[in-house]
Amino acid sequence: MTRATPTSPPPSPLPTGLRGRCPACGEGRLFKGFLAVAPACEACGQDFSAFDSADGPAFFVMSITGFVVVGAALWLEFRYEPPVWVHAVVAGTLAIGLSLLLVRPLKGLLAAIQFANKAEQGRFR
């Protein structure tokens, strides 16, 4: 991707957020660790201190993971009727794996959407 200039529009929030890239230029990293947001973009200098996804990523991760795990458990039960320990292993592995797989891209996506929509802290007048 090319570096954002003042006259060029910012990149689309969907690919930049899911990849964990800077929502302003699309080049720099949004995260400094697994879930810790970097203080600023190393490519364009965009300040990330205002980004706060709060519980949004956790809600979406729980919703998506819950749907998949319950669906898999129902399918497994009706198809094979396994013992309870098999359900526990499959559900536990799916829940932990999907949660770890989804939380970072969803947090990046919500931060990119905040940037694209110029979201700010609500204030009373």
Protein backbone atom coordinates (compact mmCIF):
# COMPACT_ATOMS: atom_id res chain seq x y z
CA MET A 1 0.00 0.00 0.00
CA THR A 2 1.08 3.55 -0.55
CA ARG A 3 1.60 5.98 2.24
CA ALA A 4 -1.40 8.17 2.98
CA THR A 5 -1.03 11.83 2.08
CA PRO A 6 -3.19 14.68 3.36
CA THR A 7 -5.14 14.68 0.08
CA SER A 8 -5.58 10.91 -0.24
CA PRO A 9 -8.39 9.15 1.61
CA PRO A 10 -7.47 6.70 4.38
CA PRO A 11 -7.47 3.01 3.47
CA SER A 12 -10.58 0.89 3.98
CA PRO A 13 -11.08 -0.04 7.66
CA LEU A 14 -11.91 -3.69 6.94
CA PRO A 15 -8.58 -4.95 5.54
CA THR A 16 -6.41 -2.61 7.62
CA GLY A 17 -8.21 -3.44 10.85
CA LEU A 18 -8.26 -7.19 10.31
CA ARG A 19 -4.53 -7.18 9.52
CA GLY A 20 -3.72 -4.96 12.52
CA ARG A 21 -2.37 -2.08 10.46
CA CYS A 22 -2.57 1.67 11.01
CA PRO A 23 -6.02 2.94 10.00
CA ALA A 24 -4.55 6.23 8.74
CA CYS A 25 -1.88 4.95 6.34
CA GLY A 26 -2.34 1.17 6.24
CA GLU A 27 1.39 0.56 6.69
CA GLY A 28 2.40 0.77 10.35
CA ARG A 29 1.46 -1.71 13.04
CA LEU A 30 -1.53 -1.02 15.26
CA PHE A 31 -0.40 -3.42 18.01
CA LYS A 32 2.85 -3.52 19.99
CA GLY A 33 2.01 -6.89 21.57
CA PHE A 34 -0.76 -9.45 21.20
CA LEU A 35 -3.54 -7.02 22.23
CA ALA A 36 -1.70 -3.91 23.44
CA VAL A 37 -2.25 -0.96 21.10
CA ALA A 38 0.93 0.85 20.10
CA PRO A 39 1.24 4.49 21.20
CA ALA A 40 1.60 5.71 17.59
CA CYS A 41 2.15 4.48 14.04
CA GLU A 42 5.81 3.98 13.16
CA ALA A 43 5.11 4.84 9.50
CA CYS A 44 2.97 8.00 9.62
CA GLY A 45 3.02 9.04 13.29
CA GLN A 46 -0.77 8.73 13.83
CA ASP A 47 -1.53 8.86 17.58
CA PHE A 48 -3.37 5.72 18.77
CA SER A 49 -4.00 6.90 22.35
CA ALA A 50 -7.64 7.75 21.63
CA PHE A 51 -8.50 4.24 20.37
CA ASP A 52 -10.60 2.39 22.92
CA SER A 53 -12.53 -0.66 21.77
CA ALA A 54 -13.60 -1.45 25.38
CA ASP A 55 -15.62 -4.68 25.50
CA GLY A 56 -16.59 -4.68 21.82
CA PRO A 57 -14.11 -7.32 20.64
CA ALA A 58 -14.93 -9.58 23.60
CA PHE A 59 -18.65 -9.40 22.82
CA PHE A 60 -18.16 -10.33 19.18
CA VAL A 61 -15.65 -13.07 20.01
CA MET A 62 -18.04 -14.60 22.57
CA SER A 63 -20.98 -14.41 20.16
CA ILE A 64 -19.16 -15.96 17.21
CA THR A 65 -17.35 -18.57 19.31
CA GLY A 66 -20.52 -19.52 21.19
CA PHE A 67 -22.44 -20.02 17.97
CA VAL A 68 -19.72 -22.23 16.48
CA VAL A 69 -19.09 -24.26 19.67
CA VAL A 70 -22.78 -24.91 20.38
CA GLY A 71 -23.38 -25.82 16.74
CA ALA A 72 -20.43 -28.21 16.75
CA ALA A 73 -21.55 -29.77 20.04
CA LEU A 74 -25.08 -30.32 18.73
CA TRP A 75 -23.82 -31.78 15.47
CA LEU A 76 -21.37 -34.03 17.32
CA GLU A 77 -24.06 -35.26 19.71
CA PHE A 78 -26.69 -36.02 17.09
CA ARG A 79 -24.24 -37.54 14.63
CA TYR A 80 -21.98 -39.67 16.86
CA GLU A 81 -23.36 -39.59 20.46
CA PRO A 82 -19.87 -39.46 22.02
CA PRO A 83 -19.13 -39.57 25.75
CA VAL A 84 -19.13 -36.32 27.73
CA TRP A 85 -15.34 -36.10 27.87
CA VAL A 86 -15.20 -35.90 24.06
CA HIS A 87 -17.62 -32.98 24.16
CA ALA A 88 -15.44 -31.29 26.78
CA VAL A 89 -12.26 -31.72 24.72
CA VAL A 90 -13.85 -30.58 21.45
CA ALA A 91 -15.74 -27.64 22.99
CA GLY A 92 -12.76 -26.52 25.07
CA THR A 93 -10.36 -26.67 22.17
CA LEU A 94 -12.75 -24.86 19.83
CA ALA A 95 -13.62 -22.18 22.38
CA ILE A 96 -10.02 -21.38 23.31
CA GLY A 97 -8.71 -21.64 19.75
CA LEU A 98 -11.40 -19.49 18.17
CA SER A 99 -11.18 -16.90 20.94
CA LEU A 100 -7.44 -16.48 20.48
CA LEU A 101 -7.79 -16.47 16.70
CA LEU A 102 -10.54 -13.83 16.57
CA VAL A 103 -9.80 -11.33 19.34
CA ARG A 104 -6.87 -9.49 17.74
CA PRO A 105 -8.40 -9.00 14.25
CA LEU A 106 -11.70 -7.88 15.76
CA LYS A 107 -9.98 -5.40 18.07
CA GLY A 108 -8.07 -4.01 15.09
CA LEU A 109 -11.26 -3.79 13.04
CA LEU A 110 -13.12 -1.89 15.77
CA ALA A 111 -10.19 0.54 16.15
CA ALA A 112 -10.10 1.11 12.38
CA ILE A 113 -13.86 1.71 12.31
CA GLN A 114 -13.51 4.21 15.18
CA PHE A 115 -10.86 6.06 13.17
CA ALA A 116 -12.87 5.99 9.92
CA ASN A 117 -15.98 7.34 11.64
CA LYS A 118 -14.03 9.90 13.72
CA ALA A 119 -15.52 8.47 16.93
CA GLU A 120 -14.94 10.51 20.08
CA GLN A 121 -15.75 10.32 23.75
CA GLY A 122 -19.35 11.38 24.43
CA ARG A 123 -19.74 14.70 26.24
CA PHE A 124 -22.59 16.51 27.92
CA ARG A 125 -23.03 20.09 26.74
